[in-house]
Amino acid sequence: MPALPAALPPSDKDAMSRSRLVGRPSTTGDDHQLNTTTLIRHAARTFGDQSVVYRDRGEWQSYAFAECYERVCRAAQALTRLGIGAGDTVGVLDWNSRRHFELYWAIPGIAAVMLQLNLRLGEEDLSYVVRHSEAEWIAVDSSLLPLAGD
């Protein structure tokens, strides 16, 4: 099973390990970091053959969590190849789709920040949000290009 690329520089990983809370050992398996990366990996390992169900162009479709995890990892690697990394802001202007679901996991999986752009905003308001957030990249569904404007 592929892994999401390491996103934090060594200095940040050291800081995170120093700031861990120390307490009694857990007997419930909750002694690991709870974030999007561990959640999607856990879903793939534990529920790999169960389905993610979504609607595409009015039709219900599904695919297994294991395949979903592989696609999320490929999306994370593609984002990394584009030069997106830790701390970068990536805007997403998309319908509730499989692509949107995968970006929801892939963007924080490389320690980037996901800026969910509201489809109900007008062009001027969207422009303000993007400028104010200083998003470096924006993923836009082709049907929403007129709304995205310049």
N, C-alpha and C. Protein backbone atom coordinates (compact mmCIF):
# COMPACT_ATOMS: atom_id res chain seq x y z
N MET A 1 0.85 -1.17 0.00
CA MET A 1 0.00 0.00 0.00
C MET A 1 0.90 1.24 0.00
N PRO A 2 0.71 2.17 -0.94
CA PRO A 2 1.57 3.35 -0.99
C PRO A 2 1.35 4.23 0.24
N ALA A 3 2.30 5.10 0.48
CA ALA A 3 2.21 6.00 1.62
C ALA A 3 2.20 7.43 1.13
N LEU A 4 1.54 8.29 1.88
CA LEU A 4 1.58 9.70 1.56
C LEU A 4 3.00 10.19 1.76
N PRO A 5 3.46 11.14 0.93
CA PRO A 5 4.82 11.61 1.07
C PRO A 5 5.03 12.32 2.40
N ALA A 6 6.25 12.20 2.94
CA ALA A 6 6.58 12.90 4.16
C ALA A 6 6.53 14.39 3.87
N ALA A 7 5.83 15.14 4.68
CA ALA A 7 5.64 16.55 4.36
C ALA A 7 6.36 17.49 5.31
N LEU A 8 6.55 17.07 6.55
CA LEU A 8 7.16 17.98 7.50
C LEU A 8 8.68 17.88 7.45
N PRO A 9 9.38 19.03 7.46
CA PRO A 9 10.83 18.98 7.52
C PRO A 9 11.27 18.37 8.85
N PRO A 10 12.50 17.83 8.91
CA PRO A 10 12.95 17.16 10.14
C PRO A 10 12.80 18.03 11.39
N SER A 11 13.06 19.31 11.30
CA SER A 11 12.97 20.17 12.48
C SER A 11 11.54 20.20 13.03
N ASP A 12 10.54 20.21 12.15
CA ASP A 12 9.15 20.22 12.60
C ASP A 12 8.77 18.88 13.22
N LYS A 13 9.29 17.79 12.66
CA LYS A 13 9.00 16.47 13.22
C LYS A 13 9.59 16.37 14.62
N ASP A 14 10.81 16.91 14.81
CA ASP A 14 11.43 16.89 16.14
C ASP A 14 10.60 17.68 17.13
N ALA A 15 10.10 18.84 16.71
CA ALA A 15 9.27 19.66 17.58
C ALA A 15 7.99 18.92 17.95
N MET A 16 7.41 18.22 16.98
CA MET A 16 6.19 17.48 17.26
C MET A 16 6.45 16.36 18.26
N SER A 17 7.59 15.66 18.12
CA SER A 17 7.85 14.55 19.02
C SER A 17 8.14 15.05 20.44
N ARG A 18 8.72 16.24 20.56
CA ARG A 18 8.98 16.80 21.88
C ARG A 18 7.69 17.26 22.55
N SER A 19 6.68 17.60 21.77
CA SER A 19 5.46 18.15 22.34
C SER A 19 4.39 17.08 22.60
N ARG A 20 4.73 15.81 22.44
CA ARG A 20 3.75 14.75 22.67
C ARG A 20 3.33 14.71 24.12
N LEU A 21 2.07 14.45 24.34
CA LEU A 21 1.58 14.30 25.69
C LEU A 21 1.98 12.92 26.20
N VAL A 22 2.38 12.87 27.44
CA VAL A 22 2.79 11.60 28.02
C VAL A 22 1.77 11.25 29.09
N GLY A 23 1.29 10.04 29.05
CA GLY A 23 0.31 9.60 30.03
C GLY A 23 0.35 8.09 30.11
N ARG A 24 -0.70 7.51 30.60
CA ARG A 24 -0.75 6.05 30.68
C ARG A 24 -0.84 5.46 29.28
N PRO A 25 -0.28 4.29 29.11
CA PRO A 25 -0.40 3.63 27.80
C PRO A 25 -1.87 3.35 27.49
N SER A 26 -2.22 3.52 26.25
CA SER A 26 -3.61 3.31 25.84
C SER A 26 -3.87 1.83 25.59
N THR A 27 -5.06 1.41 25.96
CA THR A 27 -5.47 0.04 25.66
C THR A 27 -6.52 0.03 24.57
N THR A 28 -6.88 1.21 24.07
CA THR A 28 -7.94 1.30 23.07
C THR A 28 -7.40 1.56 21.67
N GLY A 29 -6.10 1.66 21.51
CA GLY A 29 -5.53 1.90 20.20
C GLY A 29 -5.59 3.35 19.77
N ASP A 30 -5.86 4.25 20.70
CA ASP A 30 -5.96 5.66 20.34
C ASP A 30 -4.69 6.44 20.67
N ASP A 31 -3.58 5.73 20.74
CA ASP A 31 -2.32 6.37 21.10
C ASP A 31 -1.51 6.80 19.88
N HIS A 32 -2.19 7.12 18.81
CA HIS A 32 -1.51 7.61 17.62
C HIS A 32 -2.11 8.96 17.25
N GLN A 33 -1.37 9.71 16.46
CA GLN A 33 -1.81 11.03 16.06
C GLN A 33 -3.10 10.93 15.24
N LEU A 34 -4.08 11.73 15.58
CA LEU A 34 -5.35 11.73 14.88
C LEU A 34 -5.36 12.88 13.89
N ASN A 35 -5.14 12.57 12.63
CA ASN A 35 -5.19 13.58 11.57
C ASN A 35 -5.70 12.91 10.30
N THR A 36 -5.82 13.70 9.24
CA THR A 36 -6.41 13.16 8.01
C THR A 36 -5.57 12.02 7.42
N THR A 37 -4.26 12.11 7.56
CA THR A 37 -3.40 11.07 7.00
C THR A 37 -3.64 9.73 7.70
N THR A 38 -3.68 9.75 9.03
CA THR A 38 -3.89 8.49 9.74
C THR A 38 -5.32 7.98 9.55
N LEU A 39 -6.29 8.89 9.42
CA LEU A 39 -7.67 8.45 9.23
C LEU A 39 -7.86 7.72 7.91
N ILE A 40 -7.36 8.28 6.81
CA ILE A 40 -7.56 7.64 5.50
C ILE A 40 -6.74 6.35 5.41
N ARG A 41 -5.56 6.33 6.01
CA ARG A 41 -4.76 5.10 6.02
C ARG A 41 -5.46 4.01 6.82
N HIS A 42 -6.03 4.38 7.97
CA HIS A 42 -6.77 3.43 8.79
C HIS A 42 -7.99 2.89 8.03
N ALA A 43 -8.71 3.77 7.34
CA ALA A 43 -9.87 3.33 6.57
C ALA A 43 -9.46 2.33 5.50
N ALA A 44 -8.33 2.58 4.82
CA ALA A 44 -7.87 1.68 3.77
C ALA A 44 -7.46 0.33 4.33
N ARG A 45 -6.78 0.34 5.48
CA ARG A 45 -6.32 -0.92 6.07
C ARG A 45 -7.46 -1.71 6.70
N THR A 46 -8.35 -1.01 7.38
CA THR A 46 -9.39 -1.69 8.13
C THR A 46 -10.62 -2.00 7.29
N PHE A 47 -10.97 -1.10 6.39
CA PHE A 47 -12.18 -1.24 5.60
C PHE A 47 -11.86 -1.24 4.11
N GLY A 48 -10.70 -1.75 3.73
CA GLY A 48 -10.22 -1.69 2.36
C GLY A 48 -11.17 -2.18 1.30
N ASP A 49 -11.98 -3.20 1.62
CA ASP A 49 -12.88 -3.75 0.62
C ASP A 49 -14.28 -3.11 0.69
N GLN A 50 -14.52 -2.25 1.67
CA GLN A 50 -15.81 -1.58 1.76
C GLN A 50 -15.84 -0.37 0.83
N SER A 51 -17.03 0.07 0.48
CA SER A 51 -17.18 1.06 -0.57
C SER A 51 -17.29 2.50 -0.07
N VAL A 52 -16.70 3.36 -0.86
CA VAL A 52 -16.96 4.80 -0.78
C VAL A 52 -18.02 5.05 -1.84
N VAL A 53 -19.14 5.57 -1.46
CA VAL A 53 -20.25 5.78 -2.39
C VAL A 53 -20.36 7.28 -2.68
N TYR A 54 -20.50 7.62 -3.94
CA TYR A 54 -20.61 9.02 -4.33
C TYR A 54 -21.53 9.12 -5.55
N ARG A 55 -21.91 10.33 -5.85
CA ARG A 55 -22.81 10.56 -6.98
C ARG A 55 -22.07 11.36 -8.03
N ASP A 56 -22.10 10.89 -9.25
CA ASP A 56 -21.42 11.56 -10.36
C ASP A 56 -22.41 11.74 -11.50
N ARG A 57 -22.70 12.98 -11.84
CA ARG A 57 -23.63 13.31 -12.91
C ARG A 57 -24.98 12.59 -12.73
N GLY A 58 -25.43 12.56 -11.49
CA GLY A 58 -26.74 12.00 -11.19
C GLY A 58 -26.77 10.50 -10.99
N GLU A 59 -25.65 9.82 -11.18
CA GLU A 59 -25.62 8.37 -11.01
C GLU A 59 -24.77 7.99 -9.80
N TRP A 60 -25.28 7.04 -9.02
CA TRP A 60 -24.53 6.56 -7.86
C TRP A 60 -23.41 5.64 -8.34
N GLN A 61 -22.22 5.85 -7.78
CA GLN A 61 -21.06 5.02 -8.10
C GLN A 61 -20.31 4.72 -6.81
N SER A 62 -19.42 3.76 -6.88
CA SER A 62 -18.64 3.42 -5.68
C SER A 62 -17.30 2.84 -6.08
N TYR A 63 -16.39 2.90 -5.13
CA TYR A 63 -15.11 2.22 -5.26
C TYR A 63 -14.60 1.92 -3.85
N ALA A 64 -13.69 0.98 -3.72
CA ALA A 64 -13.24 0.50 -2.42
C ALA A 64 -12.32 1.51 -1.74
N PHE A 65 -12.33 1.51 -0.40
CA PHE A 65 -11.45 2.38 0.37
C PHE A 65 -9.98 2.17 0.01
N ALA A 66 -9.60 0.92 -0.28
CA ALA A 66 -8.20 0.66 -0.65
C ALA A 66 -7.86 1.40 -1.94
N GLU A 67 -8.74 1.37 -2.93
CA GLU A 67 -8.50 2.10 -4.17
C GLU A 67 -8.53 3.60 -3.92
N CYS A 68 -9.42 4.04 -3.06
CA CYS A 68 -9.50 5.46 -2.70
C CYS A 68 -8.17 5.92 -2.12
N TYR A 69 -7.62 5.14 -1.20
CA TYR A 69 -6.34 5.50 -0.57
C TYR A 69 -5.22 5.59 -1.61
N GLU A 70 -5.19 4.64 -2.53
CA GLU A 70 -4.17 4.68 -3.58
C GLU A 70 -4.32 5.94 -4.43
N ARG A 71 -5.54 6.32 -4.76
CA ARG A 71 -5.79 7.52 -5.56
C ARG A 71 -5.42 8.78 -4.77
N VAL A 72 -5.70 8.79 -3.47
CA VAL A 72 -5.32 9.93 -2.63
C VAL A 72 -3.80 10.07 -2.60
N CYS A 73 -3.11 8.95 -2.47
CA CYS A 73 -1.63 8.99 -2.48
C CYS A 73 -1.10 9.50 -3.81
N ARG A 74 -1.69 9.06 -4.91
CA ARG A 74 -1.25 9.55 -6.23
C ARG A 74 -1.54 11.04 -6.38
N ALA A 75 -2.68 11.49 -5.88
CA ALA A 75 -3.00 12.92 -5.94
C ALA A 75 -2.01 13.72 -5.09
N ALA A 76 -1.66 13.21 -3.92
CA ALA A 76 -0.68 13.89 -3.06
C ALA A 76 0.68 13.97 -3.75
N GLN A 77 1.07 12.89 -4.41
CA GLN A 77 2.34 12.90 -5.13
C GLN A 77 2.30 13.86 -6.30
N ALA A 78 1.16 13.95 -6.99
CA ALA A 78 1.03 14.89 -8.11
C ALA A 78 1.11 16.33 -7.60
N LEU A 79 0.46 16.61 -6.48
CA LEU A 79 0.54 17.95 -5.90
C LEU A 79 1.98 18.30 -5.53
N THR A 80 2.69 17.33 -4.98
CA THR A 80 4.09 17.55 -4.62
C THR A 80 4.93 17.83 -5.85
N ARG A 81 4.69 17.09 -6.94
CA ARG A 81 5.43 17.33 -8.18
C ARG A 81 5.15 18.71 -8.76
N LEU A 82 3.96 19.26 -8.48
CA LEU A 82 3.63 20.62 -8.92
C LEU A 82 4.35 21.68 -8.08
N GLY A 83 4.99 21.25 -7.01
CA GLY A 83 5.70 22.19 -6.15
C GLY A 83 4.92 22.61 -4.93
N ILE A 84 3.79 21.98 -4.70
CA ILE A 84 2.98 22.30 -3.52
C ILE A 84 3.56 21.54 -2.34
N GLY A 85 3.71 22.24 -1.23
CA GLY A 85 4.31 21.60 -0.07
C GLY A 85 3.71 22.11 1.22
N ALA A 86 4.39 21.80 2.31
CA ALA A 86 3.92 22.16 3.64
C ALA A 86 3.67 23.65 3.75
N GLY A 87 2.49 23.99 4.25
CA GLY A 87 2.14 25.38 4.48
C GLY A 87 1.55 26.11 3.28
N ASP A 88 1.65 25.53 2.08
CA ASP A 88 1.05 26.17 0.90
C ASP A 88 -0.47 26.07 0.99
N THR A 89 -1.15 27.08 0.47
CA THR A 89 -2.61 27.08 0.48
C THR A 89 -3.12 26.69 -0.90
N VAL A 90 -4.00 25.70 -0.93
CA VAL A 90 -4.59 25.21 -2.18
C VAL A 90 -6.10 25.42 -2.10
N GLY A 91 -6.63 26.25 -2.99
CA GLY A 91 -8.06 26.47 -3.05
C GLY A 91 -8.72 25.36 -3.86
N VAL A 92 -9.92 25.00 -3.48
CA VAL A 92 -10.68 23.99 -4.22
C VAL A 92 -12.07 24.54 -4.50
N LEU A 93 -12.37 24.67 -5.79
CA LEU A 93 -13.69 25.10 -6.24
C LEU A 93 -14.24 23.95 -7.08
N ASP A 94 -15.02 23.12 -6.43
CA ASP A 94 -15.47 21.88 -7.06
C ASP A 94 -16.80 21.46 -6.47
N TRP A 95 -17.52 20.65 -7.23
CA TRP A 95 -18.75 20.04 -6.75
C TRP A 95 -18.39 18.93 -5.77
N ASN A 96 -19.37 18.40 -5.08
CA ASN A 96 -19.14 17.22 -4.24
C ASN A 96 -18.91 16.04 -5.18
N SER A 97 -17.66 15.73 -5.44
CA SER A 97 -17.31 14.70 -6.41
C SER A 97 -16.21 13.82 -5.83
N ARG A 98 -15.90 12.78 -6.55
CA ARG A 98 -14.81 11.89 -6.14
C ARG A 98 -13.50 12.67 -6.10
N ARG A 99 -13.29 13.52 -7.10
CA ARG A 99 -12.05 14.31 -7.14
C ARG A 99 -11.96 15.21 -5.91
N HIS A 100 -13.08 15.85 -5.56
CA HIS A 100 -13.10 16.72 -4.39
C HIS A 100 -12.81 15.93 -3.12
N PHE A 101 -13.42 14.77 -2.99
CA PHE A 101 -13.19 13.90 -1.83
C PHE A 101 -11.72 13.51 -1.72
N GLU A 102 -11.10 13.18 -2.84
CA GLU A 102 -9.69 12.77 -2.83
C GLU A 102 -8.77 13.94 -2.51
N LEU A 103 -9.09 15.13 -3.03
CA LEU A 103 -8.30 16.31 -2.68
C LEU A 103 -8.44 16.66 -1.21
N TYR A 104 -9.62 16.40 -0.65
CA TYR A 104 -9.86 16.67 0.77
C TYR A 104 -8.84 15.92 1.64
N TRP A 105 -8.44 14.74 1.22
CA TRP A 105 -7.46 13.95 1.97
C TRP A 105 -6.03 14.21 1.50
N ALA A 106 -5.83 14.44 0.21
CA ALA A 106 -4.48 14.58 -0.34
C ALA A 106 -3.82 15.89 0.07
N ILE A 107 -4.55 16.98 0.08
CA ILE A 107 -3.95 18.28 0.38
C ILE A 107 -3.38 18.32 1.80
N PRO A 108 -4.16 17.99 2.83
CA PRO A 108 -3.54 17.97 4.16
C PRO A 108 -2.54 16.83 4.32
N GLY A 109 -2.64 15.81 3.46
CA GLY A 109 -1.69 14.70 3.51
C GLY A 109 -0.27 15.12 3.19
N ILE A 110 -0.09 16.24 2.52
CA ILE A 110 1.25 16.77 2.25
C ILE A 110 1.51 18.02 3.09
N ALA A 111 0.69 18.22 4.13
CA ALA A 111 0.80 19.33 5.08
C ALA A 111 0.52 20.68 4.44
N ALA A 112 -0.23 20.67 3.33
CA ALA A 112 -0.69 21.92 2.74
C ALA A 112 -2.04 22.27 3.37
N VAL A 113 -2.50 23.48 3.13
CA VAL A 113 -3.75 23.96 3.69
C VAL A 113 -4.81 23.97 2.60
N MET A 114 -5.95 23.34 2.88
CA MET A 114 -7.03 23.32 1.90
C MET A 114 -7.98 24.48 2.17
N LEU A 115 -8.20 25.29 1.14
CA LEU A 115 -9.15 26.40 1.21
C LEU A 115 -10.38 25.99 0.42
N GLN A 116 -11.43 25.65 1.13
CA GLN A 116 -12.68 25.24 0.48
C GLN A 116 -13.41 26.48 0.01
N LEU A 117 -13.52 26.66 -1.29
CA LEU A 117 -14.18 27.84 -1.85
C LEU A 117 -15.67 27.57 -2.00
N ASN A 118 -16.47 28.51 -1.56
CA ASN A 118 -17.92 28.36 -1.54
C ASN A 118 -18.50 28.59 -2.94
N LEU A 119 -19.18 27.59 -3.46
CA LEU A 119 -19.79 27.68 -4.79
C LEU A 119 -20.86 28.75 -4.88
N ARG A 120 -21.42 29.13 -3.75
CA ARG A 120 -22.53 30.09 -3.76
C ARG A 120 -22.07 31.54 -3.79
N LEU A 121 -20.77 31.76 -3.65
CA LEU A 121 -20.26 33.13 -3.70
C LEU A 121 -20.18 33.60 -5.14
N GLY A 122 -20.32 34.88 -5.32
CA GLY A 122 -20.19 35.46 -6.65
C GLY A 122 -18.71 35.61 -7.01
N GLU A 123 -18.45 35.98 -8.25
CA GLU A 123 -17.08 36.10 -8.74
C GLU A 123 -16.26 37.09 -7.91
N GLU A 124 -16.86 38.23 -7.58
CA GLU A 124 -16.15 39.25 -6.82
C GLU A 124 -15.78 38.76 -5.42
N ASP A 125 -16.73 38.08 -4.76
CA ASP A 125 -16.47 37.56 -3.41
C ASP A 125 -15.43 36.44 -3.43
N LEU A 126 -15.53 35.56 -4.42
CA LEU A 126 -14.53 34.50 -4.54
C LEU A 126 -13.14 35.09 -4.75
N SER A 127 -13.06 36.10 -5.58
CA SER A 127 -11.79 36.76 -5.85
C SER A 127 -11.20 37.33 -4.57
N TYR A 128 -12.05 37.95 -3.75
CA TYR A 128 -11.59 38.50 -2.48
C TYR A 128 -11.04 37.40 -1.57
N VAL A 129 -11.79 36.30 -1.44
CA VAL A 129 -11.38 35.20 -0.57
C VAL A 129 -10.03 34.64 -1.02
N VAL A 130 -9.86 34.44 -2.32
CA VAL A 130 -8.61 33.88 -2.84
C VAL A 130 -7.45 34.85 -2.59
N ARG A 131 -7.66 36.13 -2.87
CA ARG A 131 -6.59 37.11 -2.64
C ARG A 131 -6.25 37.19 -1.15
N HIS A 132 -7.27 37.23 -0.31
CA HIS A 132 -7.05 37.35 1.13
C HIS A 132 -6.33 36.13 1.71
N SER A 133 -6.64 34.96 1.19
CA SER A 133 -6.03 33.72 1.69
C SER A 133 -4.61 33.52 1.16
N GLU A 134 -4.27 34.25 0.10
CA GLU A 134 -2.97 34.10 -0.56
C GLU A 134 -2.75 32.68 -1.08
N ALA A 135 -3.82 32.08 -1.59
CA ALA A 135 -3.72 30.72 -2.14
C ALA A 135 -2.75 30.71 -3.31
N GLU A 136 -1.83 29.75 -3.29
CA GLU A 136 -0.86 29.61 -4.37
C GLU A 136 -1.44 28.84 -5.55
N TRP A 137 -2.36 27.92 -5.27
CA TRP A 137 -2.94 27.05 -6.29
C TRP A 137 -4.44 26.97 -6.08
N ILE A 138 -5.17 26.78 -7.18
CA ILE A 138 -6.62 26.58 -7.09
C ILE A 138 -7.00 25.45 -8.03
N ALA A 139 -7.67 24.45 -7.50
CA ALA A 139 -8.21 23.35 -8.31
C ALA A 139 -9.67 23.72 -8.60
N VAL A 140 -10.01 23.79 -9.90
CA VAL A 140 -11.34 24.23 -10.30
C VAL A 140 -11.95 23.20 -11.25
N ASP A 141 -13.18 22.80 -10.99
CA ASP A 141 -13.91 21.95 -11.93
C ASP A 141 -14.14 22.76 -13.20
N SER A 142 -13.98 22.12 -14.35
CA SER A 142 -14.10 22.84 -15.62
C SER A 142 -15.46 23.52 -15.79
N SER A 143 -16.51 22.95 -15.22
CA SER A 143 -17.83 23.58 -15.34
C SER A 143 -17.95 24.85 -14.50
N LEU A 144 -17.00 25.06 -13.59
CA LEU A 144 -17.05 26.23 -12.72
C LEU A 144 -16.05 27.31 -13.13
N LEU A 145 -15.38 27.11 -14.25
CA LEU A 145 -14.42 28.11 -14.72
C LEU A 145 -15.02 29.50 -14.89
N PRO A 146 -16.25 29.64 -15.42
CA PRO A 146 -16.83 30.99 -15.52
C PRO A 146 -16.97 31.67 -14.15
N LEU A 147 -17.28 30.90 -13.12
CA LEU A 147 -17.40 31.45 -11.77
C LEU A 147 -16.04 31.84 -11.21
N ALA A 148 -14.99 31.07 -11.58
CA ALA A 148 -13.65 31.34 -11.07
C ALA A 148 -13.10 32.64 -11.62
N GLY A 149 -13.52 33.03 -12.82
CA GLY A 149 -13.06 34.29 -13.41
C GLY A 149 -11.56 34.31 -13.59
N ASP A 150 -10.98 35.47 -13.36
CA ASP A 150 -9.53 35.63 -13.51
C ASP A 150 -8.86 35.21 -12.25
